[in-house]
Amino acid sequence: MTAKRRFRSIVRIGPVQVGTSHSDRGRNQHTAACTAPGCGFSTDYDSRAAAELAARTHHCPVR
């Protein structure tokens, strides 16, 4: 079971939101998640730069 995360420093890049939270081990974890309907893209990264790069280069699948 995954604990509910509290995000801070949330930034929106196109349809993708990037936020920072604490991982289960107490480290900072950065998440990039697409908010477009039906996309489902969400990934965790160790660095903020990697999460923002993923947000800038993300393209939703064509439906």
PDB file of N, CA and C in Angstrom:
ATOM      1  N   MET A   1       0.840  -1.177   0.000  1.00  0.00           N
ATOM      2  CA  MET A   1       0.000   0.000   0.000  1.00  0.00           C
ATOM      3  C   MET A   1       0.883   1.237   0.000  1.00  0.00           C
ATOM      4  N   THR A   2       0.583   2.171  -0.868  1.00  0.00           N
ATOM      5  CA  THR A   2       1.363   3.385  -0.993  1.00  0.00           C
ATOM      6  C   THR A   2       0.762   4.483  -0.134  1.00  0.00           C
ATOM      7  N   ALA A   3       1.623   5.173   0.590  1.00  0.00           N
ATOM      8  CA  ALA A   3       1.164   6.278   1.431  1.00  0.00           C
ATOM      9  C   ALA A   3       0.842   7.491   0.563  1.00  0.00           C
ATOM     10  N   LYS A   4      -0.081   8.300   1.028  1.00  0.00           N
ATOM     11  CA  LYS A   4      -0.445   9.514   0.307  1.00  0.00           C
ATOM     12  C   LYS A   4       0.698  10.519   0.419  1.00  0.00           C
ATOM     13  N   ARG A   5       1.120  11.066  -0.729  1.00  0.00           N
ATOM     14  CA  ARG A   5       2.251  11.995  -0.735  1.00  0.00           C
ATOM     15  C   ARG A   5       1.778  13.433  -0.657  1.00  0.00           C
ATOM     16  N   ARG A   6       2.572  14.257  -0.016  1.00  0.00           N
ATOM     17  CA  ARG A   6       2.329  15.698   0.032  1.00  0.00           C
ATOM     18  C   ARG A   6       3.350  16.364  -0.873  1.00  0.00           C
ATOM     19  N   PHE A   7       2.884  16.940  -1.964  1.00  0.00           N
ATOM     20  CA  PHE A   7       3.771  17.559  -2.935  1.00  0.00           C
ATOM     21  C   PHE A   7       3.980  19.030  -2.610  1.00  0.00           C
ATOM     22  N   ARG A   8       5.184  19.503  -2.932  1.00  0.00           N
ATOM     23  CA  ARG A   8       5.505  20.915  -2.813  1.00  0.00           C
ATOM     24  C   ARG A   8       6.252  21.310  -4.080  1.00  0.00           C
ATOM     25  N   SER A   9       6.418  22.567  -4.296  1.00  0.00           N
ATOM     26  CA  SER A   9       7.118  23.088  -5.476  1.00  0.00           C
ATOM     27  C   SER A   9       6.534  22.511  -6.767  1.00  0.00           C
ATOM     28  N   ILE A  10       5.233  22.617  -6.909  1.00  0.00           N
ATOM     29  CA  ILE A  10       4.566  22.092  -8.099  1.00  0.00           C
ATOM     30  C   ILE A  10       4.648  23.113  -9.221  1.00  0.00           C
ATOM     31  N   VAL A  11       5.074  22.640 -10.391  1.00  0.00           N
ATOM     32  CA  VAL A  11       5.200  23.488 -11.572  1.00  0.00           C
ATOM     33  C   VAL A  11       4.520  22.775 -12.730  1.00  0.00           C
ATOM     34  N   ARG A  12       3.900  23.530 -13.610  1.00  0.00           N
ATOM     35  CA  ARG A  12       3.211  22.949 -14.767  1.00  0.00           C
ATOM     36  C   ARG A  12       3.980  23.295 -16.032  1.00  0.00           C
ATOM     37  N   ILE A  13       4.316  22.269 -16.807  1.00  0.00           N
ATOM     38  CA  ILE A  13       5.003  22.438 -18.088  1.00  0.00           C
ATOM     39  C   ILE A  13       4.120  21.765 -19.133  1.00  0.00           C
ATOM     40  N   GLY A  14       3.376  22.575 -19.877  1.00  0.00           N
ATOM     41  CA  GLY A  14       2.393  22.021 -20.813  1.00  0.00           C
ATOM     42  C   GLY A  14       1.338  21.264 -20.018  1.00  0.00           C
ATOM     43  N   PRO A  15       0.988  20.037 -20.429  1.00  0.00           N
ATOM     44  CA  PRO A  15       0.001  19.261 -19.686  1.00  0.00           C
ATOM     45  C   PRO A  15       0.606  18.483 -18.512  1.00  0.00           C
ATOM     46  N   VAL A  16       1.923  18.594 -18.315  1.00  0.00           N
ATOM     47  CA  VAL A  16       2.610  17.802 -17.291  1.00  0.00           C
ATOM     48  C   VAL A  16       2.885  18.651 -16.052  1.00  0.00           C
ATOM     49  N   GLN A  17       2.598  18.080 -14.887  1.00  0.00           N
ATOM     50  CA  GLN A  17       2.925  18.728 -13.626  1.00  0.00           C
ATOM     51  C   GLN A  17       4.125  18.030 -13.009  1.00  0.00           C
ATOM     52  N   VAL A  18       5.039  18.828 -12.461  1.00  0.00           N
ATOM     53  CA  VAL A  18       6.221  18.309 -11.783  1.00  0.00           C
ATOM     54  C   VAL A  18       6.137  18.755 -10.333  1.00  0.00           C
ATOM     55  N   GLY A  19       6.290  17.804  -9.406  1.00  0.00           N
ATOM     56  CA  GLY A  19       6.223  18.113  -7.989  1.00  0.00           C
ATOM     57  C   GLY A  19       7.282  17.358  -7.210  1.00  0.00           C
ATOM     58  N   THR A  20       7.615  17.882  -6.029  1.00  0.00           N
ATOM     59  CA  THR A  20       8.614  17.278  -5.161  1.00  0.00           C
ATOM     60  C   THR A  20       7.937  16.786  -3.896  1.00  0.00           C
ATOM     61  N   SER A  21       8.335  15.599  -3.443  1.00  0.00           N
ATOM     62  CA  SER A  21       7.809  15.031  -2.204  1.00  0.00           C
ATOM     63  C   SER A  21       8.924  14.233  -1.532  1.00  0.00           C
ATOM     64  N   HIS A  22       8.628  13.717  -0.360  1.00  0.00           N
ATOM     65  CA  HIS A  22       9.578  12.853   0.338  1.00  0.00           C
ATOM     66  C   HIS A  22       9.260  11.407   0.010  1.00  0.00           C
ATOM     67  N   SER A  23      10.296  10.617  -0.259  1.00  0.00           N
ATOM     68  CA  SER A  23      10.103   9.191  -0.522  1.00  0.00           C
ATOM     69  C   SER A  23       9.944   8.451   0.810  1.00  0.00           C
ATOM     70  N   ASP A  24       9.719   7.155   0.739  1.00  0.00           N
ATOM     71  CA  ASP A  24       9.566   6.340   1.944  1.00  0.00           C
ATOM     72  C   ASP A  24      10.831   6.348   2.790  1.00  0.00           C
ATOM     73  N   ARG A  25      11.969   6.600   2.154  1.00  0.00           N
ATOM     74  CA  ARG A  25      13.255   6.606   2.860  1.00  0.00           C
ATOM     75  C   ARG A  25      13.675   7.995   3.319  1.00  0.00           C
ATOM     76  N   GLY A  26      12.793   8.980   3.183  1.00  0.00           N
ATOM     77  CA  GLY A  26      13.077  10.327   3.647  1.00  0.00           C
ATOM     78  C   GLY A  26      13.843  11.191   2.670  1.00  0.00           C
ATOM     79  N   ARG A  27      14.069  10.710   1.473  1.00  0.00           N
ATOM     80  CA  ARG A  27      14.784  11.484   0.461  1.00  0.00           C
ATOM     81  C   ARG A  27      13.796  12.264  -0.391  1.00  0.00           C
ATOM     82  N   ASN A  28      14.286  13.309  -1.039  1.00  0.00           N
ATOM     83  CA  ASN A  28      13.446  14.051  -1.986  1.00  0.00           C
ATOM     84  C   ASN A  28      13.232  13.212  -3.225  1.00  0.00           C
ATOM     85  N   GLN A  29      12.003  13.198  -3.691  1.00  0.00           N
ATOM     86  CA  GLN A  29      11.639  12.459  -4.896  1.00  0.00           C
ATOM     87  C   GLN A  29      10.841  13.414  -5.772  1.00  0.00           C
ATOM     88  N   HIS A  30      11.124  13.399  -7.062  1.00  0.00           N
ATOM     89  CA  HIS A  30      10.484  14.315  -7.992  1.00  0.00           C
ATOM     90  C   HIS A  30       9.629  13.507  -8.963  1.00  0.00           C
ATOM     91  N   THR A  31       8.390  13.939  -9.144  1.00  0.00           N
ATOM     92  CA  THR A  31       7.430  13.209  -9.968  1.00  0.00           C
ATOM     93  C   THR A  31       6.951  14.090 -11.110  1.00  0.00           C
ATOM     94  N   ALA A  32       6.904  13.506 -12.302  1.00  0.00           N
ATOM     95  CA  ALA A  32       6.322  14.161 -13.470  1.00  0.00           C
ATOM     96  C   ALA A  32       5.083  13.364 -13.853  1.00  0.00           C
ATOM     97  N   ALA A  33       3.937  14.045 -13.951  1.00  0.00           N
ATOM     98  CA  ALA A  33       2.683  13.368 -14.266  1.00  0.00           C
ATOM     99  C   ALA A  33       1.874  14.201 -15.253  1.00  0.00           C
ATOM    100  N   CYS A  34       1.402  13.549 -16.314  1.00  0.00           N
ATOM    101  CA  CYS A  34       0.591  14.225 -17.327  1.00  0.00           C
ATOM    102  C   CYS A  34      -0.856  14.302 -16.849  1.00  0.00           C
ATOM    103  N   THR A  35      -1.472  15.460 -17.033  1.00  0.00           N
ATOM    104  CA  THR A  35      -2.852  15.656 -16.591  1.00  0.00           C
ATOM    105  C   THR A  35      -3.863  15.530 -17.732  1.00  0.00           C
ATOM    106  N   ALA A  36      -3.397  15.190 -18.938  1.00  0.00           N
ATOM    107  CA  ALA A  36      -4.309  15.027 -20.072  1.00  0.00           C
ATOM    108  C   ALA A  36      -5.182  13.791 -19.867  1.00  0.00           C
ATOM    109  N   PRO A  37      -6.457  13.857 -20.234  1.00  0.00           N
ATOM    110  CA  PRO A  37      -7.351  12.719 -20.054  1.00  0.00           C
ATOM    111  C   PRO A  37      -6.863  11.494 -20.829  1.00  0.00           C
ATOM    112  N   GLY A  38      -6.782  10.376 -20.141  1.00  0.00           N
ATOM    113  CA  GLY A  38      -6.435   9.110 -20.777  1.00  0.00           C
ATOM    114  C   GLY A  38      -4.964   8.900 -21.055  1.00  0.00           C
ATOM    115  N   CYS A  39      -4.091   9.807 -20.648  1.00  0.00           N
ATOM    116  CA  CYS A  39      -2.667   9.654 -20.963  1.00  0.00           C
ATOM    117  C   CYS A  39      -2.008   8.643 -20.021  1.00  0.00           C
ATOM    118  N   GLY A  40      -2.052   8.876 -18.730  1.00  0.00           N
ATOM    119  CA  GLY A  40      -1.508   7.921 -17.765  1.00  0.00           C
ATOM    120  C   GLY A  40      -0.008   8.011 -17.529  1.00  0.00           C
ATOM    121  N   PHE A  41       0.695   9.015 -18.086  1.00  0.00           N
ATOM    122  CA  PHE A  41       2.138   9.166 -17.883  1.00  0.00           C
ATOM    123  C   PHE A  41       2.413   9.692 -16.479  1.00  0.00           C
ATOM    124  N   SER A  42       3.191   8.957 -15.710  1.00  0.00           N
ATOM    125  CA  SER A  42       3.621   9.380 -14.386  1.00  0.00           C
ATOM    126  C   SER A  42       4.879   8.609 -14.030  1.00  0.00           C
ATOM    127  N   THR A  43       5.950   9.332 -13.698  1.00  0.00           N
ATOM    128  CA  THR A  43       7.218   8.700 -13.394  1.00  0.00           C
ATOM    129  C   THR A  43       7.934   9.466 -12.284  1.00  0.00           C
ATOM    130  N   ASP A  44       8.650   8.726 -11.423  1.00  0.00           N
ATOM    131  CA  ASP A  44       9.437   9.317 -10.348  1.00  0.00           C
ATOM    132  C   ASP A  44      10.899   9.410 -10.759  1.00  0.00           C
ATOM    133  N   TYR A  45      11.554  10.487 -10.323  1.00  0.00           N
ATOM    134  CA  TYR A  45      12.953  10.733 -10.640  1.00  0.00           C
ATOM    135  C   TYR A  45      13.709  11.136  -9.378  1.00  0.00           C
ATOM    136  N   ASP A  46      15.032  10.947  -9.399  1.00  0.00           N
ATOM    137  CA  ASP A  46      15.867  11.334  -8.269  1.00  0.00           C
ATOM    138  C   ASP A  46      16.240  12.813  -8.309  1.00  0.00           C
ATOM    139  N   SER A  47      16.194  13.435  -9.490  1.00  0.00           N
ATOM    140  CA  SER A  47      16.563  14.853  -9.584  1.00  0.00           C
ATOM    141  C   SER A  47      15.432  15.662 -10.218  1.00  0.00           C
ATOM    142  N   ARG A  48      15.348  16.905  -9.816  1.00  0.00           N
ATOM    143  CA  ARG A  48      14.330  17.812 -10.342  1.00  0.00           C
ATOM    144  C   ARG A  48      14.570  18.070 -11.832  1.00  0.00           C
ATOM    145  N   ALA A  49      15.847  18.176 -12.219  1.00  0.00           N
ATOM    146  CA  ALA A  49      16.188  18.436 -13.620  1.00  0.00           C
ATOM    147  C   ALA A  49      15.692  17.310 -14.523  1.00  0.00           C
ATOM    148  N   ALA A  50      15.826  16.073 -14.075  1.00  0.00           N
ATOM    149  CA  ALA A  50      15.366  14.934 -14.878  1.00  0.00           C
ATOM    150  C   ALA A  50      13.843  14.954 -15.021  1.00  0.00           C
ATOM    151  N   ALA A  51      13.133  15.288 -13.950  1.00  0.00           N
ATOM    152  CA  ALA A  51      11.671  15.349 -14.007  1.00  0.00           C
ATOM    153  C   ALA A  51      11.204  16.461 -14.947  1.00  0.00           C
ATOM    154  N   GLU A  52      11.872  17.614 -14.896  1.00  0.00           N
ATOM    155  CA  GLU A  52      11.493  18.721 -15.774  1.00  0.00           C
ATOM    156  C   GLU A  52      11.833  18.421 -17.228  1.00  0.00           C
ATOM    157  N   LEU A  53      12.935  17.731 -17.473  1.00  0.00           N
ATOM    158  CA  LEU A  53      13.281  17.331 -18.837  1.00  0.00           C
ATOM    159  C   LEU A  53      12.233  16.363 -19.386  1.00  0.00           C
ATOM    160  N   ALA A  54      11.791  15.422 -18.577  1.00  0.00           N
ATOM    161  CA  ALA A  54      10.745  14.486 -19.003  1.00  0.00           C
ATOM    162  C   ALA A  54       9.455  15.233 -19.318  1.00  0.00           C
ATOM    163  N   ALA A  55       9.137  16.253 -18.520  1.00  0.00           N
ATOM    164  CA  ALA A  55       7.931  17.046 -18.756  1.00  0.00           C
ATOM    165  C   ALA A  55       8.025  17.819 -20.073  1.00  0.00           C
ATOM    166  N   ARG A  56       9.192  18.357 -20.364  1.00  0.00           N
ATOM    167  CA  ARG A  56       9.369  19.143 -21.597  1.00  0.00           C
ATOM    168  C   ARG A  56       9.346  18.282 -22.842  1.00  0.00           C
ATOM    169  N   THR A  57       9.784  17.032 -22.743  1.00  0.00           N
ATOM    170  CA  THR A  57       9.876  16.183 -23.918  1.00  0.00           C
ATOM    171  C   THR A  57       8.709  15.196 -24.037  1.00  0.00           C
ATOM    172  N   HIS A  58       7.769  15.214 -23.103  1.00  0.00           N
ATOM    173  CA  HIS A  58       6.639  14.285 -23.127  1.00  0.00           C
ATOM    174  C   HIS A  58       5.657  14.616 -24.251  1.00  0.00           C
ATOM    175  N   HIS A  59       5.232  13.598 -24.960  1.00  0.00           N
ATOM    176  CA  HIS A  59       4.185  13.731 -25.973  1.00  0.00           C
ATOM    177  C   HIS A  59       3.130  12.664 -25.670  1.00  0.00           C
ATOM    178  N   CYS A  60       1.900  13.110 -25.500  1.00  0.00           N
ATOM    179  CA  CYS A  60       0.813  12.165 -25.232  1.00  0.00           C
ATOM    180  C   CYS A  60       0.592  11.267 -26.437  1.00  0.00           C
ATOM    181  N   PRO A  61       0.270   9.997 -26.211  1.00  0.00           N
ATOM    182  CA  PRO A  61       0.019   9.092 -27.330  1.00  0.00           C
ATOM    183  C   PRO A  61      -1.205   9.541 -28.135  1.00  0.00           C
ATOM    184  N   VAL A  62      -1.139   9.359 -29.429  1.00  0.00           N
ATOM    185  CA  VAL A  62      -2.246   9.745 -30.301  1.00  0.00           C
ATOM    186  C   VAL A  62      -3.357   8.718 -30.167  1.00  0.00           C
ATOM    187  N   ARG A  63      -4.569   9.172 -29.991  1.00  0.00           N
ATOM    188  CA  ARG A  63      -5.701   8.244 -29.820  1.00  0.00           C
ATOM    189  C   ARG A  63      -6.669   8.443 -30.947  1.00  0.00           C
TER     190      ARG A  63
END
